[in-house]
Amino acid sequence: MRNLKRVLLAVFVLLLVLTILAFVLENQQPVSLLFLGWAGPQLPVSVVTVIALLFGMLIGPLLGWSVGRMVRGRRKRLA
């Protein structure tokens, strides 16, 4: 059973890597983002998407942590 879990995990990781590789290879068109008058450098669509994903993965937990701290602080004041 333990080996089956390892094999399934390895297959899942391999499929995930192949999917990401296909995404990157299929989205090589350069784009330049424009935000509030600031124009970014021309980068492939896949790079822009991955950067946005990583940024969201960092910001999401930080916001959740800060909201959790505020809620806990309010609970302590009410008790």
PDB file of N, CA and C in Angstrom:
ATOM      1  N   MET A   1       0.819  -1.193   0.000  1.00  0.00           N
ATOM      2  CA  MET A   1       0.000   0.000   0.000  1.00  0.00           C
ATOM      3  C   MET A   1       0.865   1.260   0.000  1.00  0.00           C
ATOM      4  N   ARG A   2       1.963   1.198   0.760  1.00  0.00           N
ATOM      5  CA  ARG A   2       2.865   2.344   0.844  1.00  0.00           C
ATOM      6  C   ARG A   2       3.503   2.633  -0.517  1.00  0.00           C
ATOM      7  N   ASN A   3       3.889   1.570  -1.227  1.00  0.00           N
ATOM      8  CA  ASN A   3       4.497   1.755  -2.542  1.00  0.00           C
ATOM      9  C   ASN A   3       3.490   2.287  -3.549  1.00  0.00           C
ATOM     10  N   LEU A   4       2.237   1.862  -3.429  1.00  0.00           N
ATOM     11  CA  LEU A   4       1.201   2.354  -4.335  1.00  0.00           C
ATOM     12  C   LEU A   4       1.022   3.860  -4.158  1.00  0.00           C
ATOM     13  N   LYS A   5       1.032   4.329  -2.923  1.00  0.00           N
ATOM     14  CA  LYS A   5       0.906   5.770  -2.667  1.00  0.00           C
ATOM     15  C   LYS A   5       2.080   6.532  -3.270  1.00  0.00           C
ATOM     16  N   ARG A   6       3.273   5.984  -3.146  1.00  0.00           N
ATOM     17  CA  ARG A   6       4.456   6.639  -3.718  1.00  0.00           C
ATOM     18  C   ARG A   6       4.377   6.688  -5.234  1.00  0.00           C
ATOM     19  N   VAL A   7       3.931   5.594  -5.839  1.00  0.00           N
ATOM     20  CA  VAL A   7       3.810   5.551  -7.298  1.00  0.00           C
ATOM     21  C   VAL A   7       2.755   6.551  -7.762  1.00  0.00           C
ATOM     22  N   LEU A   8       1.610   6.591  -7.088  1.00  0.00           N
ATOM     23  CA  LEU A   8       0.568   7.544  -7.461  1.00  0.00           C
ATOM     24  C   LEU A   8       1.033   8.985  -7.285  1.00  0.00           C
ATOM     25  N   LEU A   9       1.772   9.264  -6.223  1.00  0.00           N
ATOM     26  CA  LEU A   9       2.320  10.602  -6.017  1.00  0.00           C
ATOM     27  C   LEU A   9       3.317  10.955  -7.121  1.00  0.00           C
ATOM     28  N   ALA A  10       4.170  10.023  -7.470  1.00  0.00           N
ATOM     29  CA  ALA A  10       5.153  10.260  -8.534  1.00  0.00           C
ATOM     30  C   ALA A  10       4.456  10.510  -9.870  1.00  0.00           C
ATOM     31  N   VAL A  11       3.410   9.752 -10.167  1.00  0.00           N
ATOM     32  CA  VAL A  11       2.663   9.947 -11.414  1.00  0.00           C
ATOM     33  C   VAL A  11       1.981  11.308 -11.408  1.00  0.00           C
ATOM     34  N   PHE A  12       1.392  11.685 -10.270  1.00  0.00           N
ATOM     35  CA  PHE A  12       0.742  12.990 -10.169  1.00  0.00           C
ATOM     36  C   PHE A  12       1.738  14.127 -10.376  1.00  0.00           C
ATOM     37  N   VAL A  13       2.886  14.040  -9.726  1.00  0.00           N
ATOM     38  CA  VAL A  13       3.915  15.085  -9.869  1.00  0.00           C
ATOM     39  C   VAL A  13       4.416  15.141 -11.307  1.00  0.00           C
ATOM     40  N   LEU A  14       4.614  13.995 -11.924  1.00  0.00           N
ATOM     41  CA  LEU A  14       5.072  13.967 -13.316  1.00  0.00           C
ATOM     42  C   LEU A  14       4.039  14.598 -14.238  1.00  0.00           C
ATOM     43  N   LEU A  15       2.772  14.293 -14.056  1.00  0.00           N
ATOM     44  CA  LEU A  15       1.718  14.910 -14.869  1.00  0.00           C
ATOM     45  C   LEU A  15       1.645  16.415 -14.638  1.00  0.00           C
ATOM     46  N   LEU A  16       1.813  16.840 -13.410  1.00  0.00           N
ATOM     47  CA  LEU A  16       1.805  18.266 -13.106  1.00  0.00           C
ATOM     48  C   LEU A  16       2.969  18.979 -13.797  1.00  0.00           C
ATOM     49  N   VAL A  17       4.140  18.389 -13.737  1.00  0.00           N
ATOM     50  CA  VAL A  17       5.317  18.991 -14.381  1.00  0.00           C
ATOM     51  C   VAL A  17       5.129  19.038 -15.894  1.00  0.00           C
ATOM     52  N   LEU A  18       4.605  17.979 -16.475  1.00  0.00           N
ATOM     53  CA  LEU A  18       4.374  17.961 -17.922  1.00  0.00           C
ATOM     54  C   LEU A  18       3.326  18.992 -18.331  1.00  0.00           C
ATOM     55  N   THR A  19       2.304  19.170 -17.516  1.00  0.00           N
ATOM     56  CA  THR A  19       1.280  20.176 -17.809  1.00  0.00           C
ATOM     57  C   THR A  19       1.875  21.577 -17.749  1.00  0.00           C
ATOM     58  N   ILE A  20       2.676  21.845 -16.742  1.00  0.00           N
ATOM     59  CA  ILE A  20       3.318  23.162 -16.625  1.00  0.00           C
ATOM     60  C   ILE A  20       4.274  23.396 -17.786  1.00  0.00           C
ATOM     61  N   LEU A  21       5.031  22.384 -18.160  1.00  0.00           N
ATOM     62  CA  LEU A  21       5.955  22.503 -19.288  1.00  0.00           C
ATOM     63  C   LEU A  21       5.201  22.798 -20.575  1.00  0.00           C
ATOM     64  N   ALA A  22       4.096  22.102 -20.810  1.00  0.00           N
ATOM     65  CA  ALA A  22       3.295  22.353 -22.010  1.00  0.00           C
ATOM     66  C   ALA A  22       2.736  23.773 -21.997  1.00  0.00           C
ATOM     67  N   PHE A  23       2.282  24.237 -20.827  1.00  0.00           N
ATOM     68  CA  PHE A  23       1.761  25.603 -20.712  1.00  0.00           C
ATOM     69  C   PHE A  23       2.833  26.628 -21.060  1.00  0.00           C
ATOM     70  N   VAL A  24       4.021  26.434 -20.520  1.00  0.00           N
ATOM     71  CA  VAL A  24       5.113  27.385 -20.763  1.00  0.00           C
ATOM     72  C   VAL A  24       5.517  27.382 -22.235  1.00  0.00           C
ATOM     73  N   LEU A  25       5.605  26.210 -22.828  1.00  0.00           N
ATOM     74  CA  LEU A  25       6.027  26.128 -24.225  1.00  0.00           C
ATOM     75  C   LEU A  25       4.975  26.669 -25.190  1.00  0.00           C
ATOM     76  N   GLU A  26       3.699  26.577 -24.834  1.00  0.00           N
ATOM     77  CA  GLU A  26       2.630  27.047 -25.712  1.00  0.00           C
ATOM     78  C   GLU A  26       2.352  28.541 -25.571  1.00  0.00           C
ATOM     79  N   ASN A  27       2.861  29.186 -24.540  1.00  0.00           N
ATOM     80  CA  ASN A  27       2.554  30.594 -24.288  1.00  0.00           C
ATOM     81  C   ASN A  27       3.829  31.438 -24.275  1.00  0.00           C
ATOM     82  N   GLN A  28       4.458  31.518 -25.407  1.00  0.00           N
ATOM     83  CA  GLN A  28       5.707  32.261 -25.521  1.00  0.00           C
ATOM     84  C   GLN A  28       5.531  33.636 -26.160  1.00  0.00           C
ATOM     85  N   GLN A  29       4.286  34.067 -26.426  1.00  0.00           N
ATOM     86  CA  GLN A  29       4.058  35.364 -27.031  1.00  0.00           C
ATOM     87  C   GLN A  29       4.414  36.462 -26.035  1.00  0.00           C
ATOM     88  N   PRO A  30       5.198  37.443 -26.466  1.00  0.00           N
ATOM     89  CA  PRO A  30       5.563  38.519 -25.527  1.00  0.00           C
ATOM     90  C   PRO A  30       4.390  39.479 -25.301  1.00  0.00           C
ATOM     91  N   VAL A  31       4.227  39.884 -24.050  1.00  0.00           N
ATOM     92  CA  VAL A  31       3.209  40.881 -23.691  1.00  0.00           C
ATOM     93  C   VAL A  31       3.858  41.907 -22.770  1.00  0.00           C
ATOM     94  N   SER A  32       3.295  43.099 -22.785  1.00  0.00           N
ATOM     95  CA  SER A  32       3.738  44.150 -21.876  1.00  0.00           C
ATOM     96  C   SER A  32       2.524  44.630 -21.105  1.00  0.00           C
ATOM     97  N   LEU A  33       2.601  44.588 -19.782  1.00  0.00           N
ATOM     98  CA  LEU A  33       1.483  45.024 -18.961  1.00  0.00           C
ATOM     99  C   LEU A  33       1.573  46.522 -18.713  1.00  0.00           C
ATOM    100  N   LEU A  34       0.415  47.182 -18.745  1.00  0.00           N
ATOM    101  CA  LEU A  34       0.320  48.613 -18.490  1.00  0.00           C
ATOM    102  C   LEU A  34      -0.581  48.819 -17.283  1.00  0.00           C
ATOM    103  N   PHE A  35      -0.056  49.457 -16.228  1.00  0.00           N
ATOM    104  CA  PHE A  35      -0.821  49.689 -15.008  1.00  0.00           C
ATOM    105  C   PHE A  35      -0.536  51.082 -14.486  1.00  0.00           C
ATOM    106  N   LEU A  36      -1.568  51.920 -14.441  1.00  0.00           N
ATOM    107  CA  LEU A  36      -1.466  53.299 -13.944  1.00  0.00           C
ATOM    108  C   LEU A  36      -0.337  54.075 -14.620  1.00  0.00           C
ATOM    109  N   GLY A  37      -0.221  53.917 -15.920  1.00  0.00           N
ATOM    110  CA  GLY A  37       0.789  54.627 -16.677  1.00  0.00           C
ATOM    111  C   GLY A  37       2.163  53.989 -16.675  1.00  0.00           C
ATOM    112  N   TRP A  38       2.360  52.963 -15.870  1.00  0.00           N
ATOM    113  CA  TRP A  38       3.650  52.273 -15.816  1.00  0.00           C
ATOM    114  C   TRP A  38       3.596  51.070 -16.739  1.00  0.00           C
ATOM    115  N   ALA A  39       4.520  51.005 -17.692  1.00  0.00           N
ATOM    116  CA  ALA A  39       4.575  49.888 -18.631  1.00  0.00           C
ATOM    117  C   ALA A  39       5.700  48.953 -18.213  1.00  0.00           C
ATOM    118  N   GLY A  40       5.362  47.710 -18.042  1.00  0.00           N
ATOM    119  CA  GLY A  40       6.356  46.711 -17.667  1.00  0.00           C
ATOM    120  C   GLY A  40       7.124  46.232 -18.887  1.00  0.00           C
ATOM    121  N   PRO A  41       8.188  45.485 -18.648  1.00  0.00           N
ATOM    122  CA  PRO A  41       8.963  44.952 -19.775  1.00  0.00           C
ATOM    123  C   PRO A  41       8.167  43.867 -20.507  1.00  0.00           C
ATOM    124  N   GLN A  42       8.527  43.634 -21.754  1.00  0.00           N
ATOM    125  CA  GLN A  42       7.859  42.576 -22.511  1.00  0.00           C
ATOM    126  C   GLN A  42       8.374  41.224 -22.045  1.00  0.00           C
ATOM    127  N   LEU A  43       7.447  40.409 -21.566  1.00  0.00           N
ATOM    128  CA  LEU A  43       7.764  39.072 -21.093  1.00  0.00           C
ATOM    129  C   LEU A  43       6.789  38.091 -21.726  1.00  0.00           C
ATOM    130  N   PRO A  44       7.166  36.819 -21.831  1.00  0.00           N
ATOM    131  CA  PRO A  44       6.208  35.828 -22.337  1.00  0.00           C
ATOM    132  C   PRO A  44       4.992  35.720 -21.418  1.00  0.00           C
ATOM    133  N   VAL A  45       3.847  35.375 -21.994  1.00  0.00           N
ATOM    134  CA  VAL A  45       2.605  35.247 -21.236  1.00  0.00           C
ATOM    135  C   VAL A  45       2.778  34.265 -20.087  1.00  0.00           C
ATOM    136  N   SER A  46       3.489  33.179 -20.321  1.00  0.00           N
ATOM    137  CA  SER A  46       3.661  32.165 -19.277  1.00  0.00           C
ATOM    138  C   SER A  46       4.429  32.722 -18.078  1.00  0.00           C
ATOM    139  N   VAL A  47       5.411  33.563 -18.319  1.00  0.00           N
ATOM    140  CA  VAL A  47       6.190  34.145 -17.219  1.00  0.00           C
ATOM    141  C   VAL A  47       5.315  35.087 -16.402  1.00  0.00           C
ATOM    142  N   VAL A  48       4.518  35.900 -17.087  1.00  0.00           N
ATOM    143  CA  VAL A  48       3.617  36.820 -16.393  1.00  0.00           C
ATOM    144  C   VAL A  48       2.616  36.031 -15.544  1.00  0.00           C
ATOM    145  N   THR A  49       2.089  34.943 -16.083  1.00  0.00           N
ATOM    146  CA  THR A  49       1.124  34.124 -15.359  1.00  0.00           C
ATOM    147  C   THR A  49       1.757  33.471 -14.136  1.00  0.00           C
ATOM    148  N   VAL A  50       2.948  32.933 -14.281  1.00  0.00           N
ATOM    149  CA  VAL A  50       3.628  32.278 -13.159  1.00  0.00           C
ATOM    150  C   VAL A  50       3.979  33.306 -12.078  1.00  0.00           C
ATOM    151  N   ILE A  51       4.421  34.490 -12.475  1.00  0.00           N
ATOM    152  CA  ILE A  51       4.722  35.538 -11.500  1.00  0.00           C
ATOM    153  C   ILE A  51       3.462  35.931 -10.729  1.00  0.00           C
ATOM    154  N   ALA A  52       2.338  36.072 -11.432  1.00  0.00           N
ATOM    155  CA  ALA A  52       1.074  36.404 -10.762  1.00  0.00           C
ATOM    156  C   ALA A  52       0.666  35.288  -9.803  1.00  0.00           C
ATOM    157  N   LEU A  53       0.848  34.039 -10.201  1.00  0.00           N
ATOM    158  CA  LEU A  53       0.522  32.910  -9.333  1.00  0.00           C
ATOM    159  C   LEU A  53       1.373  32.928  -8.065  1.00  0.00           C
ATOM    160  N   LEU A  54       2.678  33.108  -8.219  1.00  0.00           N
ATOM    161  CA  LEU A  54       3.569  33.131  -7.058  1.00  0.00           C
ATOM    162  C   LEU A  54       3.259  34.311  -6.140  1.00  0.00           C
ATOM    163  N   PHE A  55       2.964  35.461  -6.729  1.00  0.00           N
ATOM    164  CA  PHE A  55       2.615  36.636  -5.941  1.00  0.00           C
ATOM    165  C   PHE A  55       1.346  36.366  -5.124  1.00  0.00           C
ATOM    166  N   GLY A  56       0.356  35.757  -5.746  1.00  0.00           N
ATOM    167  CA  GLY A  56      -0.874  35.414  -5.038  1.00  0.00           C
ATOM    168  C   GLY A  56      -0.645  34.392  -3.944  1.00  0.00           C
ATOM    169  N   MET A  57       0.262  33.442  -4.187  1.00  0.00           N
ATOM    170  CA  MET A  57       0.569  32.427  -3.180  1.00  0.00           C
ATOM    171  C   MET A  57       1.278  33.039  -1.977  1.00  0.00           C
ATOM    172  N   LEU A  58       1.951  34.152  -2.153  1.00  0.00           N
ATOM    173  CA  LEU A  58       2.589  34.842  -1.033  1.00  0.00           C
ATOM    174  C   LEU A  58       1.614  35.768  -0.312  1.00  0.00           C
ATOM    175  N   ILE A  59       0.825  36.519  -1.058  1.00  0.00           N
ATOM    176  CA  ILE A  59      -0.068  37.514  -0.485  1.00  0.00           C
ATOM    177  C   ILE A  59      -1.242  36.858   0.243  1.00  0.00           C
ATOM    178  N   GLY A  60      -1.806  35.782  -0.307  1.00  0.00           N
ATOM    179  CA  GLY A  60      -2.968  35.127   0.290  1.00  0.00           C
ATOM    180  C   GLY A  60      -2.743  34.690   1.733  1.00  0.00           C
ATOM    181  N   PRO A  61      -1.711  33.893   1.997  1.00  0.00           N
ATOM    182  CA  PRO A  61      -1.468  33.490   3.390  1.00  0.00           C
ATOM    183  C   PRO A  61      -1.146  34.668   4.316  1.00  0.00           C
ATOM    184  N   LEU A  62      -0.449  35.672   3.816  1.00  0.00           N
ATOM    185  CA  LEU A  62      -0.149  36.838   4.655  1.00  0.00           C
ATOM    186  C   LEU A  62      -1.427  37.577   5.045  1.00  0.00           C
ATOM    187  N   LEU A  63      -2.349  37.730   4.103  1.00  0.00           N
ATOM    188  CA  LEU A  63      -3.617  38.377   4.425  1.00  0.00           C
ATOM    189  C   LEU A  63      -4.426  37.533   5.400  1.00  0.00           C
ATOM    190  N   GLY A  64      -4.454  36.218   5.194  1.00  0.00           N
ATOM    191  CA  GLY A  64      -5.164  35.339   6.117  1.00  0.00           C
ATOM    192  C   GLY A  64      -4.594  35.404   7.521  1.00  0.00           C
ATOM    193  N   TRP A  65      -3.282  35.444   7.620  1.00  0.00           N
ATOM    194  CA  TRP A  65      -2.619  35.528   8.916  1.00  0.00           C
ATOM    195  C   TRP A  65      -2.962  36.847   9.612  1.00  0.00           C
ATOM    196  N   SER A  66      -2.912  37.960   8.864  1.00  0.00           N
ATOM    197  CA  SER A  66      -3.175  39.256   9.488  1.00  0.00           C
ATOM    198  C   SER A  66      -4.639  39.377   9.907  1.00  0.00           C
ATOM    199  N   VAL A  67      -5.568  38.867   9.117  1.00  0.00           N
ATOM    200  CA  VAL A  67      -6.983  38.901   9.496  1.00  0.00           C
ATOM    201  C   VAL A  67      -7.203  38.029  10.725  1.00  0.00           C
ATOM    202  N   GLY A  68      -6.563  36.875  10.781  1.00  0.00           N
ATOM    203  CA  GLY A  68      -6.674  36.000  11.949  1.00  0.00           C
ATOM    204  C   GLY A  68      -6.179  36.673  13.214  1.00  0.00           C
ATOM    205  N   ARG A  69      -5.087  37.411  13.112  1.00  0.00           N
ATOM    206  CA  ARG A  69      -4.564  38.130  14.281  1.00  0.00           C
ATOM    207  C   ARG A  69      -5.547  39.198  14.746  1.00  0.00           C
ATOM    208  N   MET A  70      -6.153  39.913  13.793  1.00  0.00           N
ATOM    209  CA  MET A  70      -7.115  40.957  14.178  1.00  0.00           C
ATOM    210  C   MET A  70      -8.332  40.341  14.863  1.00  0.00           C
ATOM    211  N   VAL A  71      -8.822  39.219  14.344  1.00  0.00           N
ATOM    212  CA  VAL A  71      -9.994  38.569  14.942  1.00  0.00           C
ATOM    213  C   VAL A  71      -9.659  38.069  16.341  1.00  0.00           C
ATOM    214  N   ARG A  72      -8.502  37.450  16.522  1.00  0.00           N
ATOM    215  CA  ARG A  72      -8.104  36.980  17.849  1.00  0.00           C
ATOM    216  C   ARG A  72      -7.948  38.141  18.825  1.00  0.00           C
ATOM    217  N   GLY A  73      -7.422  39.255  18.351  1.00  0.00           N
ATOM    218  CA  GLY A  73      -7.280  40.434  19.212  1.00  0.00           C
ATOM    219  C   GLY A  73      -8.616  40.980  19.667  1.00  0.00           C
ATOM    220  N   ARG A  74      -9.600  40.986  18.772  1.00  0.00           N
ATOM    221  CA  ARG A  74     -10.937  41.462  19.141  1.00  0.00           C
ATOM    222  C   ARG A  74     -11.603  40.522  20.129  1.00  0.00           C
ATOM    223  N   ARG A  75     -11.387  39.214  19.940  1.00  0.00           N
ATOM    224  CA  ARG A  75     -11.970  38.236  20.877  1.00  0.00           C
ATOM    225  C   ARG A  75     -11.409  38.424  22.277  1.00  0.00           C
ATOM    226  N   LYS A  76     -10.114  38.693  22.384  1.00  0.00           N
ATOM    227  CA  LYS A  76      -9.496  38.883  23.689  1.00  0.00           C
ATOM    228  C   LYS A  76     -10.039  40.130  24.372  1.00  0.00           C
ATOM    229  N   ARG A  77     -10.275  41.189  23.604  1.00  0.00           N
ATOM    230  CA  ARG A  77     -10.795  42.419  24.183  1.00  0.00           C
ATOM    231  C   ARG A  77     -12.237  42.242  24.658  1.00  0.00           C
ATOM    232  N   LEU A  78     -13.006  41.418  23.965  1.00  0.00           N
ATOM    233  CA  LEU A  78     -14.408  41.208  24.342  1.00  0.00           C
ATOM    234  C   LEU A  78     -14.534  40.298  25.561  1.00  0.00           C
ATOM    235  N   ALA A  79     -13.575  39.437  25.804  1.00  0.00           N
ATOM    236  CA  ALA A  79     -13.676  38.477  26.909  1.00  0.00           C
ATOM    237  C   ALA A  79     -13.355  39.070  28.248  1.00  0.00           C
TER     238      ALA A  79
END
